[in-house]
Every structure is written in C-alpha cells, then in structure tokens.
C-alpha cells in the first residue's frame, strides 16, 4: 500500500509540478495502510508521515490524491528577512 501511495505522489508531482496535500482513502485501504505503518499509532502520525491530510471516505473506491486549497492561509509578511505569521486562533 505504501509503495502504491508513493508512486501516486511521484506521478502527481511529475504531472502537476507540485506535491498533493490530500489522500482520499476508504476504510479497508486505510486499515491496510495502518498495518504497513504499524509503528505509527495515531491518525495524526500517519498524516504527518505521509505529509498529506488523510480523508477516509466510503466514496473512495481506490486511494486517490489531490491538491486542495487550504481554507485558511496564514498571513505572511516579509521584513528584513523575518517572517510574521498571523494565526487568527491565537
């Protein structure tokens, strides 16, 4: 399962010029993914390892990847090589 996902990601990057940020996967395939990543125990750890948001959906017949625009972009201002990140929830 893991090699399949990495192949999908490489193909996506080659075709679009950037990496995807979302994985759509059904519960069966997600369980297979968890088995192949047995050292990672939480959903968050798996997502961080893959560097993808993982969406479990009954509509995902096969694992698929995409790039989805984030709902909230942090405000970034550059001044003298410093970055200011604004987080509205802070």
PDB file of N, CA and C in Angstrom:
ATOM      1  N   UNK A   1       0.829  -1.193   0.000  1.00  0.00           N
ATOM      2  CA  UNK A   1       0.000   0.000   0.000  1.00  0.00           C
ATOM      3  C   UNK A   1       0.872   1.255   0.000  1.00  0.00           C
ATOM      4  N   UNK A   2       1.918   1.242   0.805  1.00  0.00           N
ATOM      5  CA  UNK A   2       2.775   2.418   0.919  1.00  0.00           C
ATOM      6  C   UNK A   2       3.495   2.726  -0.394  1.00  0.00           C
ATOM      7  N   UNK A   3       4.014   1.705  -1.040  1.00  0.00           N
ATOM      8  CA  UNK A   3       4.707   1.942  -2.317  1.00  0.00           C
ATOM      9  C   UNK A   3       3.725   2.449  -3.374  1.00  0.00           C
ATOM     10  N   UNK A   4       2.495   1.968  -3.342  1.00  0.00           N
ATOM     11  CA  UNK A   4       1.469   2.446  -4.267  1.00  0.00           C
ATOM     12  C   UNK A   4       1.217   3.940  -4.053  1.00  0.00           C
ATOM     13  N   UNK A   5       1.088   4.350  -2.787  1.00  0.00           N
ATOM     14  CA  UNK A   5       0.841   5.762  -2.490  1.00  0.00           C
ATOM     15  C   UNK A   5       2.011   6.640  -2.912  1.00  0.00           C
ATOM     16  N   UNK A   6       3.227   6.184  -2.674  1.00  0.00           N
ATOM     17  CA  UNK A   6       4.391   6.979  -3.078  1.00  0.00           C
ATOM     18  C   UNK A   6       4.490   7.082  -4.602  1.00  0.00           C
ATOM     19  N   UNK A   7       4.107   6.021  -5.309  1.00  0.00           N
ATOM     20  CA  UNK A   7       4.064   6.090  -6.779  1.00  0.00           C
ATOM     21  C   UNK A   7       3.030   7.111  -7.230  1.00  0.00           C
ATOM     22  N   UNK A   8       1.863   7.101  -6.588  1.00  0.00           N
ATOM     23  CA  UNK A   8       0.821   8.089  -6.906  1.00  0.00           C
ATOM     24  C   UNK A   8       1.342   9.506  -6.698  1.00  0.00           C
ATOM     25  N   UNK A   9       2.041   9.719  -5.588  1.00  0.00           N
ATOM     26  CA  UNK A   9       2.557  11.049  -5.274  1.00  0.00           C
ATOM     27  C   UNK A   9       3.615  11.491  -6.284  1.00  0.00           C
ATOM     28  N   UNK A  10       4.523  10.598  -6.670  1.00  0.00           N
ATOM     29  CA  UNK A  10       5.549  10.940  -7.661  1.00  0.00           C
ATOM     30  C   UNK A  10       4.919  11.272  -9.005  1.00  0.00           C
ATOM     31  N   UNK A  11       3.951  10.470  -9.412  1.00  0.00           N
ATOM     32  CA  UNK A  11       3.264  10.713 -10.684  1.00  0.00           C
ATOM     33  C   UNK A  11       2.537  12.052 -10.641  1.00  0.00           C
ATOM     34  N   UNK A  12       1.855  12.331  -9.543  1.00  0.00           N
ATOM     35  CA  UNK A  12       1.146  13.599  -9.395  1.00  0.00           C
ATOM     36  C   UNK A  12       2.118  14.767  -9.495  1.00  0.00           C
ATOM     37  N   UNK A  13       3.241  14.669  -8.800  1.00  0.00           N
ATOM     38  CA  UNK A  13       4.229  15.752  -8.831  1.00  0.00           C
ATOM     39  C   UNK A  13       4.802  15.936 -10.230  1.00  0.00           C
ATOM     40  N   UNK A  14       5.067  14.856 -10.919  1.00  0.00           N
ATOM     41  CA  UNK A  14       5.612  14.943 -12.274  1.00  0.00           C
ATOM     42  C   UNK A  14       4.605  15.601 -13.219  1.00  0.00           C
ATOM     43  N   UNK A  15       3.331  15.275 -13.079  1.00  0.00           N
ATOM     44  CA  UNK A  15       2.299  15.804 -13.969  1.00  0.00           C
ATOM     45  C   UNK A  15       1.898  17.246 -13.646  1.00  0.00           C
ATOM     46  N   UNK A  16       1.936  17.620 -12.361  1.00  0.00           N
ATOM     47  CA  UNK A  16       1.419  18.934 -11.959  1.00  0.00           C
ATOM     48  C   UNK A  16       2.505  19.909 -11.513  1.00  0.00           C
ATOM     49  N   UNK A  17       3.693  19.402 -11.224  1.00  0.00           N
ATOM     50  CA  UNK A  17       4.782  20.281 -10.807  1.00  0.00           C
ATOM     51  C   UNK A  17       4.815  20.578  -9.320  1.00  0.00           C
ATOM     52  N   UNK A  18       3.925  19.979  -8.555  1.00  0.00           N
ATOM     53  CA  UNK A  18       3.911  20.149  -7.098  1.00  0.00           C
ATOM     54  C   UNK A  18       3.289  18.902  -6.476  1.00  0.00           C
ATOM     55  N   UNK A  19       3.545  18.729  -5.189  1.00  0.00           N
ATOM     56  CA  UNK A  19       3.039  17.545  -4.488  1.00  0.00           C
ATOM     57  C   UNK A  19       1.580  17.721  -4.081  1.00  0.00           C
ATOM     58  N   UNK A  20       0.843  16.622  -3.971  1.00  0.00           N
ATOM     59  CA  UNK A  20      -0.533  16.700  -3.466  1.00  0.00           C
ATOM     60  C   UNK A  20      -0.511  16.976  -1.962  1.00  0.00           C
ATOM     61  N   UNK A  21      -1.667  17.361  -1.419  1.00  0.00           N
ATOM     62  CA  UNK A  21      -1.739  17.571   0.026  1.00  0.00           C
ATOM     63  C   UNK A  21      -2.875  16.799   0.692  1.00  0.00           C
ATOM     64  N   UNK A  22      -3.640  16.020  -0.095  1.00  0.00           N
ATOM     65  CA  UNK A  22      -4.763  15.259   0.459  1.00  0.00           C
ATOM     66  C   UNK A  22      -4.776  13.851  -0.123  1.00  0.00           C
ATOM     67  N   UNK A  23      -5.037  12.887   0.742  1.00  0.00           N
ATOM     68  CA  UNK A  23      -5.241  11.493   0.342  1.00  0.00           C
ATOM     69  C   UNK A  23      -6.675  11.129   0.681  1.00  0.00           C
ATOM     70  N   UNK A  24      -7.408  10.654  -0.314  1.00  0.00           N
ATOM     71  CA  UNK A  24      -8.757  10.121  -0.110  1.00  0.00           C
ATOM     72  C   UNK A  24      -8.644   8.605  -0.118  1.00  0.00           C
ATOM     73  N   UNK A  25      -9.165   7.966   0.916  1.00  0.00           N
ATOM     74  CA  UNK A  25      -8.972   6.523   1.064  1.00  0.00           C
ATOM     75  C   UNK A  25     -10.182   5.941   1.794  1.00  0.00           C
ATOM     76  N   UNK A  26     -10.568   4.717   1.433  1.00  0.00           N
ATOM     77  CA  UNK A  26     -11.683   4.090   2.144  1.00  0.00           C
ATOM     78  C   UNK A  26     -11.158   3.362   3.380  1.00  0.00           C
ATOM     79  N   UNK A  27     -12.056   2.908   4.222  1.00  0.00           N
ATOM     80  CA  UNK A  27     -11.675   2.307   5.498  1.00  0.00           C
ATOM     81  C   UNK A  27     -10.840   1.040   5.317  1.00  0.00           C
ATOM     82  N   UNK A  28     -11.180   0.215   4.341  1.00  0.00           N
ATOM     83  CA  UNK A  28     -10.430  -1.019   4.102  1.00  0.00           C
ATOM     84  C   UNK A  28      -8.969  -0.703   3.754  1.00  0.00           C
ATOM     85  N   UNK A  29      -8.769   0.198   2.807  1.00  0.00           N
ATOM     86  CA  UNK A  29      -7.405   0.554   2.415  1.00  0.00           C
ATOM     87  C   UNK A  29      -6.671   1.291   3.538  1.00  0.00           C
ATOM     88  N   UNK A  30      -7.410   2.068   4.323  1.00  0.00           N
ATOM     89  CA  UNK A  30      -6.795   2.760   5.452  1.00  0.00           C
ATOM     90  C   UNK A  30      -6.271   1.747   6.470  1.00  0.00           C
ATOM     91  N   UNK A  31      -7.050   0.699   6.716  1.00  0.00           N
ATOM     92  CA  UNK A  31      -6.579  -0.341   7.649  1.00  0.00           C
ATOM     93  C   UNK A  31      -5.330  -1.028   7.111  1.00  0.00           C
ATOM     94  N   UNK A  32      -5.269  -1.274   5.806  1.00  0.00           N
ATOM     95  CA  UNK A  32      -4.064  -1.853   5.196  1.00  0.00           C
ATOM     96  C   UNK A  32      -2.878  -0.902   5.340  1.00  0.00           C
ATOM     97  N   UNK A  33      -3.120   0.387   5.173  1.00  0.00           N
ATOM     98  CA  UNK A  33      -2.073   1.380   5.354  1.00  0.00           C
ATOM     99  C   UNK A  33      -1.582   1.373   6.792  1.00  0.00           C
ATOM    100  N   UNK A  34      -2.504   1.315   7.745  1.00  0.00           N
ATOM    101  CA  UNK A  34      -2.122   1.270   9.166  1.00  0.00           C
ATOM    102  C   UNK A  34      -1.279   0.042   9.465  1.00  0.00           C
ATOM    103  N   UNK A  35      -1.619  -1.081   8.848  1.00  0.00           N
ATOM    104  CA  UNK A  35      -0.833  -2.306   9.050  1.00  0.00           C
ATOM    105  C   UNK A  35       0.590  -2.129   8.532  1.00  0.00           C
ATOM    106  N   UNK A  36       0.743  -1.428   7.417  1.00  0.00           N
ATOM    107  CA  UNK A  36       2.080  -1.235   6.862  1.00  0.00           C
ATOM    108  C   UNK A  36       2.870  -0.164   7.616  1.00  0.00           C
ATOM    109  N   UNK A  37       2.183   0.632   8.425  1.00  0.00           N
ATOM    110  CA  UNK A  37       2.834   1.657   9.249  1.00  0.00           C
ATOM    111  C   UNK A  37       2.564   1.370  10.727  1.00  0.00           C
ATOM    112  N   UNK A  38       2.844   0.147  11.136  1.00  0.00           N
ATOM    113  CA  UNK A  38       2.494  -0.311  12.479  1.00  0.00           C
ATOM    114  C   UNK A  38       3.138   0.515  13.590  1.00  0.00           C
ATOM    115  N   UNK A  39       4.284   1.136  13.324  1.00  0.00           N
ATOM    116  CA  UNK A  39       4.950   1.952  14.345  1.00  0.00           C
ATOM    117  C   UNK A  39       4.230   3.275  14.597  1.00  0.00           C
ATOM    118  N   UNK A  40       3.368   3.667  13.675  1.00  0.00           N
ATOM    119  CA  UNK A  40       2.615   4.918  13.820  1.00  0.00           C
ATOM    120  C   UNK A  40       1.234   4.559  14.352  1.00  0.00           C
ATOM    121  N   UNK A  41       0.900   5.071  15.521  1.00  0.00           N
ATOM    122  CA  UNK A  41      -0.315   4.598  16.184  1.00  0.00           C
ATOM    123  C   UNK A  41      -1.529   5.503  16.015  1.00  0.00           C
ATOM    124  N   UNK A  42      -1.317   6.761  15.651  1.00  0.00           N
ATOM    125  CA  UNK A  42      -2.471   7.663  15.537  1.00  0.00           C
ATOM    126  C   UNK A  42      -2.661   8.127  14.093  1.00  0.00           C
ATOM    127  N   UNK A  43      -3.860   8.591  13.842  1.00  0.00           N
ATOM    128  CA  UNK A  43      -4.184   9.135  12.520  1.00  0.00           C
ATOM    129  C   UNK A  43      -3.271  10.320  12.204  1.00  0.00           C
ATOM    130  N   UNK A  44      -3.015  11.155  13.202  1.00  0.00           N
ATOM    131  CA  UNK A  44      -2.161  12.333  13.017  1.00  0.00           C
ATOM    132  C   UNK A  44      -0.735  11.941  12.658  1.00  0.00           C
ATOM    133  N   UNK A  45      -0.214  10.876  13.283  1.00  0.00           N
ATOM    134  CA  UNK A  45       1.135  10.404  12.969  1.00  0.00           C
ATOM    135  C   UNK A  45       1.220   9.900  11.526  1.00  0.00           C
ATOM    136  N   UNK A  46       0.193   9.202  11.085  1.00  0.00           N
ATOM    137  CA  UNK A  46       0.170   8.697   9.708  1.00  0.00           C
ATOM    138  C   UNK A  46       0.125   9.861   8.724  1.00  0.00           C
ATOM    139  N   UNK A  47      -0.733  10.835   8.990  1.00  0.00           N
ATOM    140  CA  UNK A  47      -0.838  12.006   8.116  1.00  0.00           C
ATOM    141  C   UNK A  47       0.483  12.767   8.073  1.00  0.00           C
ATOM    142  N   UNK A  48       1.130  12.921   9.219  1.00  0.00           N
ATOM    143  CA  UNK A  48       2.410  13.630   9.266  1.00  0.00           C
ATOM    144  C   UNK A  48       3.485  12.858   8.508  1.00  0.00           C
ATOM    145  N   UNK A  49       3.506  11.545   8.634  1.00  0.00           N
ATOM    146  CA  UNK A  49       4.484  10.729   7.917  1.00  0.00           C
ATOM    147  C   UNK A  49       4.300  10.869   6.412  1.00  0.00           C
ATOM    148  N   UNK A  50       3.051  10.805   5.963  1.00  0.00           N
ATOM    149  CA  UNK A  50       2.759  10.910   4.531  1.00  0.00           C
ATOM    150  C   UNK A  50       2.852  12.351   4.028  1.00  0.00           C
ATOM    151  N   UNK A  51       2.799  13.299   4.940  1.00  0.00           N
ATOM    152  CA  UNK A  51       2.739  14.727   4.609  1.00  0.00           C
ATOM    153  C   UNK A  51       1.509  15.030   3.761  1.00  0.00           C
ATOM    154  N   UNK A  52       0.407  14.382   4.148  1.00  0.00           N
ATOM    155  CA  UNK A  52      -0.879  14.539   3.474  1.00  0.00           C
ATOM    156  C   UNK A  52      -1.985  14.598   4.518  1.00  0.00           C
ATOM    157  N   UNK A  53      -3.018  15.377   4.266  1.00  0.00           N
ATOM    158  CA  UNK A  53      -4.236  15.241   5.047  1.00  0.00           C
ATOM    159  C   UNK A  53      -4.900  13.966   4.561  1.00  0.00           C
ATOM    160  N   UNK A  54      -5.369  13.128   5.478  1.00  0.00           N
ATOM    161  CA  UNK A  54      -5.958  11.842   5.116  1.00  0.00           C
ATOM    162  C   UNK A  54      -7.461  11.913   5.370  1.00  0.00           C
ATOM    163  N   UNK A  55      -8.221  11.730   4.295  1.00  0.00           N
ATOM    164  CA  UNK A  55      -9.680  11.759   4.371  1.00  0.00           C
ATOM    165  C   UNK A  55     -10.181  10.342   4.126  1.00  0.00           C
ATOM    166  N   UNK A  56     -10.860   9.785   5.126  1.00  0.00           N
ATOM    167  CA  UNK A  56     -11.427   8.437   4.991  1.00  0.00           C
ATOM    168  C   UNK A  56     -12.853   8.598   4.502  1.00  0.00           C
ATOM    169  N   UNK A  57     -13.133   7.988   3.345  1.00  0.00           N
ATOM    170  CA  UNK A  57     -14.428   8.175   2.698  1.00  0.00           C
ATOM    171  C   UNK A  57     -14.914   6.870   2.097  1.00  0.00           C
ATOM    172  N   UNK A  58     -16.191   6.584   2.270  1.00  0.00           N
ATOM    173  CA  UNK A  58     -16.777   5.393   1.649  1.00  0.00           C
ATOM    174  C   UNK A  58     -16.842   5.548   0.128  1.00  0.00           C
ATOM    175  N   UNK A  59     -16.752   6.783  -0.359  1.00  0.00           N
ATOM    176  CA  UNK A  59     -16.813   7.035  -1.795  1.00  0.00           C
ATOM    177  C   UNK A  59     -15.484   6.794  -2.504  1.00  0.00           C
ATOM    178  N   UNK A  60     -14.415   6.622  -1.741  1.00  0.00           N
ATOM    179  CA  UNK A  60     -13.092   6.399  -2.330  1.00  0.00           C
ATOM    180  C   UNK A  60     -12.926   4.907  -2.617  1.00  0.00           C
ATOM    181  N   UNK A  61     -13.276   4.513  -3.833  1.00  0.00           N
ATOM    182  CA  UNK A  61     -13.162   3.104  -4.206  1.00  0.00           C
ATOM    183  C   UNK A  61     -11.703   2.677  -4.199  1.00  0.00           C
ATOM    184  N   UNK A  62     -10.840   3.541  -4.713  1.00  0.00           N
ATOM    185  CA  UNK A  62      -9.392   3.330  -4.711  1.00  0.00           C
ATOM    186  C   UNK A  62      -8.752   4.558  -4.070  1.00  0.00           C
ATOM    187  N   UNK A  63      -7.585   4.392  -3.441  1.00  0.00           N
ATOM    188  CA  UNK A  63      -6.905   5.579  -2.907  1.00  0.00           C
ATOM    189  C   UNK A  63      -6.625   6.579  -4.028  1.00  0.00           C
ATOM    190  N   UNK A  64      -6.863   7.851  -3.750  1.00  0.00           N
ATOM    191  CA  UNK A  64      -6.561   8.886  -4.723  1.00  0.00           C
ATOM    192  C   UNK A  64      -6.000  10.094  -3.977  1.00  0.00           C
ATOM    193  N   UNK A  65      -5.266  10.906  -4.695  1.00  0.00           N
ATOM    194  CA  UNK A  65      -4.637  12.073  -4.097  1.00  0.00           C
ATOM    195  C   UNK A  65      -5.018  13.310  -4.887  1.00  0.00           C
ATOM    196  N   UNK A  66      -4.895  14.444  -4.218  1.00  0.00           N
ATOM    197  CA  UNK A  66      -5.247  15.713  -4.855  1.00  0.00           C
ATOM    198  C   UNK A  66      -4.554  16.839  -4.104  1.00  0.00           C
ATOM    199  N   UNK A  67      -4.599  18.017  -4.712  1.00  0.00           N
ATOM    200  CA  UNK A  67      -4.177  19.225  -4.010  1.00  0.00           C
ATOM    201  C   UNK A  67      -5.426  20.045  -3.811  1.00  0.00           C
ATOM    202  N   UNK A  68      -5.718  20.352  -2.552  1.00  0.00           N
ATOM    203  CA  UNK A  68      -6.897  21.125  -2.195  1.00  0.00           C
ATOM    204  C   UNK A  68      -6.424  22.403  -1.509  1.00  0.00           C
ATOM    205  N   UNK A  69      -6.929  23.530  -1.963  1.00  0.00           N
ATOM    206  CA  UNK A  69      -6.545  24.811  -1.368  1.00  0.00           C
ATOM    207  C   UNK A  69      -6.982  24.826   0.097  1.00  0.00           C
ATOM    208  N   UNK A  70      -6.039  25.130   1.005  1.00  0.00           N
ATOM    209  CA  UNK A  70      -6.403  25.210   2.426  1.00  0.00           C
ATOM    210  C   UNK A  70      -7.453  26.298   2.649  1.00  0.00           C
ATOM    211  N   UNK A  71      -8.334  26.076   3.616  1.00  0.00           N
ATOM    212  CA  UNK A  71      -9.373  27.064   3.910  1.00  0.00           C
ATOM    213  C   UNK A  71      -8.788  28.339   4.500  1.00  0.00           C
ATOM    214  N   UNK A  72      -7.747  28.195   5.315  1.00  0.00           N
ATOM    215  CA  UNK A  72      -7.142  29.350   5.963  1.00  0.00           C
ATOM    216  C   UNK A  72      -5.657  29.387   5.653  1.00  0.00           C
ATOM    217  N   UNK A  73      -5.221  30.410   4.970  1.00  0.00           N
ATOM    218  CA  UNK A  73      -3.801  30.628   4.692  1.00  0.00           C
ATOM    219  C   UNK A  73      -3.259  31.563   5.768  1.00  0.00           C
ATOM    220  N   UNK A  74      -2.126  31.236   6.398  1.00  0.00           N
ATOM    221  CA  UNK A  74      -1.559  32.176   7.359  1.00  0.00           C
ATOM    222  C   UNK A  74      -1.076  33.440   6.647  1.00  0.00           C
ATOM    223  N   UNK A  75      -1.242  34.569   7.290  1.00  0.00           N
ATOM    224  CA  UNK A  75      -0.755  35.827   6.747  1.00  0.00           C
ATOM    225  C   UNK A  75       0.757  35.856   6.947  1.00  0.00           C
ATOM    226  N   UNK A  76       1.497  36.111   5.885  1.00  0.00           N
ATOM    227  CA  UNK A  76       2.953  36.147   5.970  1.00  0.00           C
ATOM    228  C   UNK A  76       3.422  37.486   5.399  1.00  0.00           C
ATOM    229  N   UNK A  77       4.148  38.235   6.214  1.00  0.00           N
ATOM    230  CA  UNK A  77       4.744  39.494   5.769  1.00  0.00           C
ATOM    231  C   UNK A  77       6.249  39.376   5.913  1.00  0.00           C
ATOM    232  N   UNK A  78       6.980  39.839   4.923  1.00  0.00           N
ATOM    233  CA  UNK A  78       8.437  39.744   4.964  1.00  0.00           C
ATOM    234  C   UNK A  78       9.026  41.134   5.202  1.00  0.00           C
ATOM    235  N   UNK A  79       9.810  41.224   6.252  1.00  0.00           N
ATOM    236  CA  UNK A  79      10.519  42.467   6.562  1.00  0.00           C
ATOM    237  C   UNK A  79      11.923  42.096   7.008  1.00  0.00           C
ATOM    238  N   UNK A  80      12.875  42.550   6.294  1.00  0.00           N
ATOM    239  CA  UNK A  80      14.272  42.364   6.687  1.00  0.00           C
ATOM    240  C   UNK A  80      14.582  40.903   7.033  1.00  0.00           C
ATOM    241  N   UNK A  81      14.174  39.995   6.167  1.00  0.00           N
ATOM    242  CA  UNK A  81      14.428  38.560   6.307  1.00  0.00           C
ATOM    243  C   UNK A  81      13.689  37.923   7.472  1.00  0.00           C
ATOM    244  N   UNK A  82      12.710  38.583   8.056  1.00  0.00           N
ATOM    245  CA  UNK A  82      11.914  37.982   9.110  1.00  0.00           C
ATOM    246  C   UNK A  82      10.521  37.707   8.564  1.00  0.00           C
ATOM    247  N   UNK A  83       9.884  36.675   9.048  1.00  0.00           N
ATOM    248  CA  UNK A  83       8.515  36.366   8.647  1.00  0.00           C
ATOM    249  C   UNK A  83       7.589  36.557   9.839  1.00  0.00           C
ATOM    250  N   UNK A  84       6.453  37.142   9.580  1.00  0.00           N
ATOM    251  CA  UNK A  84       5.435  37.302  10.607  1.00  0.00           C
ATOM    252  C   UNK A  84       4.266  36.421  10.213  1.00  0.00           C
ATOM    253  N   UNK A  85       3.908  35.471  11.070  1.00  0.00           N
ATOM    254  CA  UNK A  85       2.810  34.566  10.794  1.00  0.00           C
ATOM    255  C   UNK A  85       1.641  34.955  11.699  1.00  0.00           C
ATOM    256  N   UNK A  86       0.519  35.213  11.100  1.00  0.00           N
ATOM    257  CA  UNK A  86      -0.669  35.583  11.855  1.00  0.00           C
ATOM    258  C   UNK A  86      -1.570  34.363  11.957  1.00  0.00           C
ATOM    259  N   UNK A  87      -1.909  33.991  13.156  1.00  0.00           N
ATOM    260  CA  UNK A  87      -2.826  32.883  13.384  1.00  0.00           C
ATOM    261  C   UNK A  87      -4.076  33.459  14.039  1.00  0.00           C
ATOM    262  N   UNK A  88      -5.215  33.401  13.388  1.00  0.00           N
ATOM    263  CA  UNK A  88      -6.425  34.023  13.930  1.00  0.00           C
ATOM    264  C   UNK A  88      -6.929  33.359  15.197  1.00  0.00           C
ATOM    265  N   UNK A  89      -6.457  32.145  15.489  1.00  0.00           N
ATOM    266  CA  UNK A  89      -6.935  31.422  16.671  1.00  0.00           C
ATOM    267  C   UNK A  89      -6.039  31.605  17.875  1.00  0.00           C
ATOM    268  N   UNK A  90      -4.988  32.407  17.764  1.00  0.00           N
ATOM    269  CA  UNK A  90      -4.041  32.578  18.876  1.00  0.00           C
ATOM    270  C   UNK A  90      -4.559  33.582  19.881  1.00  0.00           C
TER     271      UNK A  90
END
